[in-house]
């Protein structure tokens, strides 16, 4: 048996990760469900299929920036809530998602 595996086919690079901003959580969750990436388990808990051999999914949700709290956790200055409901995805784009792609100047979270 050979020490290395050889093939006559070249491997394709995966699609670049894409960042998405849906207008709200309900729209984002509906898009995930339509793509087969969201389901409810037997206990009624929401679950996401975050990885497979064809995709990677990073559900971010609502993004906030800044804010200040005291030692007891009381809000001194509330954080700024950014518009939309966010996720990162790598793989072939599900139908209809192209309308929600964004390219932020300073992403909050990225795939490495």
C-alpha atoms as a PDB file:
ATOM      1  CA  UNK A   1       0.000   0.000   0.000  1.00  0.00           C
ATOM      2  CA  UNK A   2       1.448   3.431  -0.924  1.00  0.00           C
ATOM      3  CA  UNK A   3       2.509   5.919   1.770  1.00  0.00           C
ATOM      4  CA  UNK A   4       0.751   8.821   0.061  1.00  0.00           C
ATOM      5  CA  UNK A   5      -2.583   9.177  -1.629  1.00  0.00           C
ATOM      6  CA  UNK A   6      -2.516  10.522  -5.171  1.00  0.00           C
ATOM      7  CA  UNK A   7      -5.351  11.614  -7.353  1.00  0.00           C
ATOM      8  CA  UNK A   8      -5.740  12.820 -10.897  1.00  0.00           C
ATOM      9  CA  UNK A   9      -8.325  15.393  -9.818  1.00  0.00           C
ATOM     10  CA  UNK A  10      -7.368  18.729  -8.325  1.00  0.00           C
ATOM     11  CA  UNK A  11      -9.166  19.859  -5.209  1.00  0.00           C
ATOM     12  CA  UNK A  12     -11.188  23.046  -5.471  1.00  0.00           C
ATOM     13  CA  UNK A  13     -10.750  25.763  -2.871  1.00  0.00           C
ATOM     14  CA  UNK A  14     -13.853  26.311  -0.748  1.00  0.00           C
ATOM     15  CA  UNK A  15     -15.837  29.492  -1.379  1.00  0.00           C
ATOM     16  CA  UNK A  16     -14.700  32.489   0.636  1.00  0.00           C
ATOM     17  CA  UNK A  17     -16.639  33.133   3.835  1.00  0.00           C
ATOM     18  CA  UNK A  18     -19.503  35.585   3.449  1.00  0.00           C
ATOM     19  CA  UNK A  19     -21.005  37.897   6.061  1.00  0.00           C
ATOM     20  CA  UNK A  20     -24.762  38.441   6.225  1.00  0.00           C
ATOM     21  CA  UNK A  21     -27.058  40.976   7.836  1.00  0.00           C
ATOM     22  CA  UNK A  22     -30.725  40.043   7.869  1.00  0.00           C
ATOM     23  CA  UNK A  23     -33.212  42.814   8.733  1.00  0.00           C
ATOM     24  CA  UNK A  24     -34.256  41.017  11.937  1.00  0.00           C
ATOM     25  CA  UNK A  25     -33.937  37.740  13.822  1.00  0.00           C
ATOM     26  CA  UNK A  26     -37.179  36.281  12.426  1.00  0.00           C
ATOM     27  CA  UNK A  27     -35.970  36.782   8.836  1.00  0.00           C
ATOM     28  CA  UNK A  28     -32.568  35.262   9.615  1.00  0.00           C
ATOM     29  CA  UNK A  29     -34.041  32.251  11.392  1.00  0.00           C
ATOM     30  CA  UNK A  30     -36.493  31.684   8.538  1.00  0.00           C
ATOM     31  CA  UNK A  31     -33.622  31.790   6.031  1.00  0.00           C
ATOM     32  CA  UNK A  32     -31.641  29.263   8.095  1.00  0.00           C
ATOM     33  CA  UNK A  33     -34.678  26.960   8.336  1.00  0.00           C
ATOM     34  CA  UNK A  34     -35.367  27.218   4.586  1.00  0.00           C
ATOM     35  CA  UNK A  35     -31.736  26.259   3.916  1.00  0.00           C
ATOM     36  CA  UNK A  36     -32.070  23.225   6.222  1.00  0.00           C
ATOM     37  CA  UNK A  37     -29.600  24.716   8.719  1.00  0.00           C
ATOM     38  CA  UNK A  38     -32.022  25.265  11.624  1.00  0.00           C
ATOM     39  CA  UNK A  39     -34.279  22.779  13.366  1.00  0.00           C
ATOM     40  CA  UNK A  40     -35.946  22.101  16.686  1.00  0.00           C
ATOM     41  CA  UNK A  41     -34.662  19.107  18.640  1.00  0.00           C
ATOM     42  CA  UNK A  42     -36.868  16.570  20.455  1.00  0.00           C
ATOM     43  CA  UNK A  43     -36.981  18.839  23.523  1.00  0.00           C
ATOM     44  CA  UNK A  44     -38.127  21.856  21.496  1.00  0.00           C
ATOM     45  CA  UNK A  45     -34.754  23.583  21.606  1.00  0.00           C
ATOM     46  CA  UNK A  46     -33.547  25.486  18.561  1.00  0.00           C
ATOM     47  CA  UNK A  47     -30.454  23.953  16.950  1.00  0.00           C
ATOM     48  CA  UNK A  48     -28.216  24.984  14.041  1.00  0.00           C
ATOM     49  CA  UNK A  49     -26.141  22.788  11.750  1.00  0.00           C
ATOM     50  CA  UNK A  50     -22.953  24.798  12.079  1.00  0.00           C
ATOM     51  CA  UNK A  51     -20.601  22.606  10.062  1.00  0.00           C
ATOM     52  CA  UNK A  52     -20.519  19.833   7.518  1.00  0.00           C
ATOM     53  CA  UNK A  53     -18.276  18.806   4.656  1.00  0.00           C
ATOM     54  CA  UNK A  54     -20.004  21.507   2.531  1.00  0.00           C
ATOM     55  CA  UNK A  55     -20.412  24.494   4.860  1.00  0.00           C
ATOM     56  CA  UNK A  56     -19.490  26.386   8.042  1.00  0.00           C
ATOM     57  CA  UNK A  57     -21.978  28.566   9.890  1.00  0.00           C
ATOM     58  CA  UNK A  58     -21.315  31.144  12.624  1.00  0.00           C
ATOM     59  CA  UNK A  59     -24.540  32.578  14.045  1.00  0.00           C
ATOM     60  CA  UNK A  60     -23.754  35.953  15.609  1.00  0.00           C
ATOM     61  CA  UNK A  61     -27.212  37.444  16.090  1.00  0.00           C
ATOM     62  CA  UNK A  62     -27.524  40.991  17.418  1.00  0.00           C
ATOM     63  CA  UNK A  63     -24.295  42.985  17.547  1.00  0.00           C
ATOM     64  CA  UNK A  64     -23.643  45.618  20.188  1.00  0.00           C
ATOM     65  CA  UNK A  65     -20.687  47.960  20.570  1.00  0.00           C
ATOM     66  CA  UNK A  66     -19.449  49.873  23.563  1.00  0.00           C
ATOM     67  CA  UNK A  67     -21.331  50.321  26.790  1.00  0.00           C
ATOM     68  CA  UNK A  68     -20.200  50.710  30.359  1.00  0.00           C
ATOM     69  CA  UNK A  69     -21.211  48.806  33.514  1.00  0.00           C
ATOM     70  CA  UNK A  70     -20.413  49.214  37.192  1.00  0.00           C
ATOM     71  CA  UNK A  71     -18.959  46.466  39.418  1.00  0.00           C
ATOM     72  CA  UNK A  72     -22.446  45.057  40.102  1.00  0.00           C
ATOM     73  CA  UNK A  73     -23.314  44.817  36.408  1.00  0.00           C
ATOM     74  CA  UNK A  74     -25.607  47.848  36.304  1.00  0.00           C
ATOM     75  CA  UNK A  75     -25.573  49.751  33.032  1.00  0.00           C
ATOM     76  CA  UNK A  76     -23.918  53.138  33.233  1.00  0.00           C
ATOM     77  CA  UNK A  77     -23.833  53.789  29.485  1.00  0.00           C
ATOM     78  CA  UNK A  78     -25.901  51.432  27.300  1.00  0.00           C
ATOM     79  CA  UNK A  79     -24.175  49.804  24.333  1.00  0.00           C
ATOM     80  CA  UNK A  80     -25.062  50.777  20.777  1.00  0.00           C
ATOM     81  CA  UNK A  81     -27.113  48.075  19.034  1.00  0.00           C
ATOM     82  CA  UNK A  82     -26.259  47.744  15.336  1.00  0.00           C
ATOM     83  CA  UNK A  83     -29.030  47.218  12.804  1.00  0.00           C
ATOM     84  CA  UNK A  84     -29.933  43.696  11.768  1.00  0.00           C
ATOM     85  CA  UNK A  85     -29.295  40.095  12.785  1.00  0.00           C
ATOM     86  CA  UNK A  86     -25.920  38.730  11.691  1.00  0.00           C
ATOM     87  CA  UNK A  87     -24.196  35.520  10.686  1.00  0.00           C
ATOM     88  CA  UNK A  88     -21.124  34.347   8.799  1.00  0.00           C
ATOM     89  CA  UNK A  89     -21.303  31.489   6.315  1.00  0.00           C
ATOM     90  CA  UNK A  90     -18.844  29.576   4.170  1.00  0.00           C
ATOM     91  CA  UNK A  91     -20.111  27.298   1.423  1.00  0.00           C
ATOM     92  CA  UNK A  92     -22.409  27.482  -1.554  1.00  0.00           C
ATOM     93  CA  UNK A  93     -24.913  30.222  -0.794  1.00  0.00           C
ATOM     94  CA  UNK A  94     -28.453  29.115  -0.056  1.00  0.00           C
ATOM     95  CA  UNK A  95     -31.141  30.523  -2.357  1.00  0.00           C
ATOM     96  CA  UNK A  96     -32.129  34.096  -1.585  1.00  0.00           C
ATOM     97  CA  UNK A  97     -29.231  34.871   0.746  1.00  0.00           C
ATOM     98  CA  UNK A  98     -27.366  37.019  -1.799  1.00  0.00           C
ATOM     99  CA  UNK A  99     -29.642  39.976  -0.940  1.00  0.00           C
ATOM    100  CA  UNK A 100     -28.318  40.009   2.639  1.00  0.00           C
ATOM    101  CA  UNK A 101     -24.544  40.003   2.074  1.00  0.00           C
ATOM    102  CA  UNK A 102     -22.523  42.765   3.707  1.00  0.00           C
ATOM    103  CA  UNK A 103     -18.881  43.793   3.686  1.00  0.00           C
ATOM    104  CA  UNK A 104     -18.249  45.724   6.902  1.00  0.00           C
ATOM    105  CA  UNK A 105     -15.127  47.876   7.197  1.00  0.00           C
ATOM    106  CA  UNK A 106     -14.427  46.480  10.680  1.00  0.00           C
ATOM    107  CA  UNK A 107     -16.074  43.057  11.098  1.00  0.00           C
ATOM    108  CA  UNK A 108     -16.984  42.025  14.629  1.00  0.00           C
ATOM    109  CA  UNK A 109     -16.192  38.353  13.976  1.00  0.00           C
ATOM    110  CA  UNK A 110     -14.554  36.521  11.052  1.00  0.00           C
ATOM    111  CA  UNK A 111     -13.611  32.994  10.031  1.00  0.00           C
ATOM    112  CA  UNK A 112      -9.870  32.343  10.323  1.00  0.00           C
END
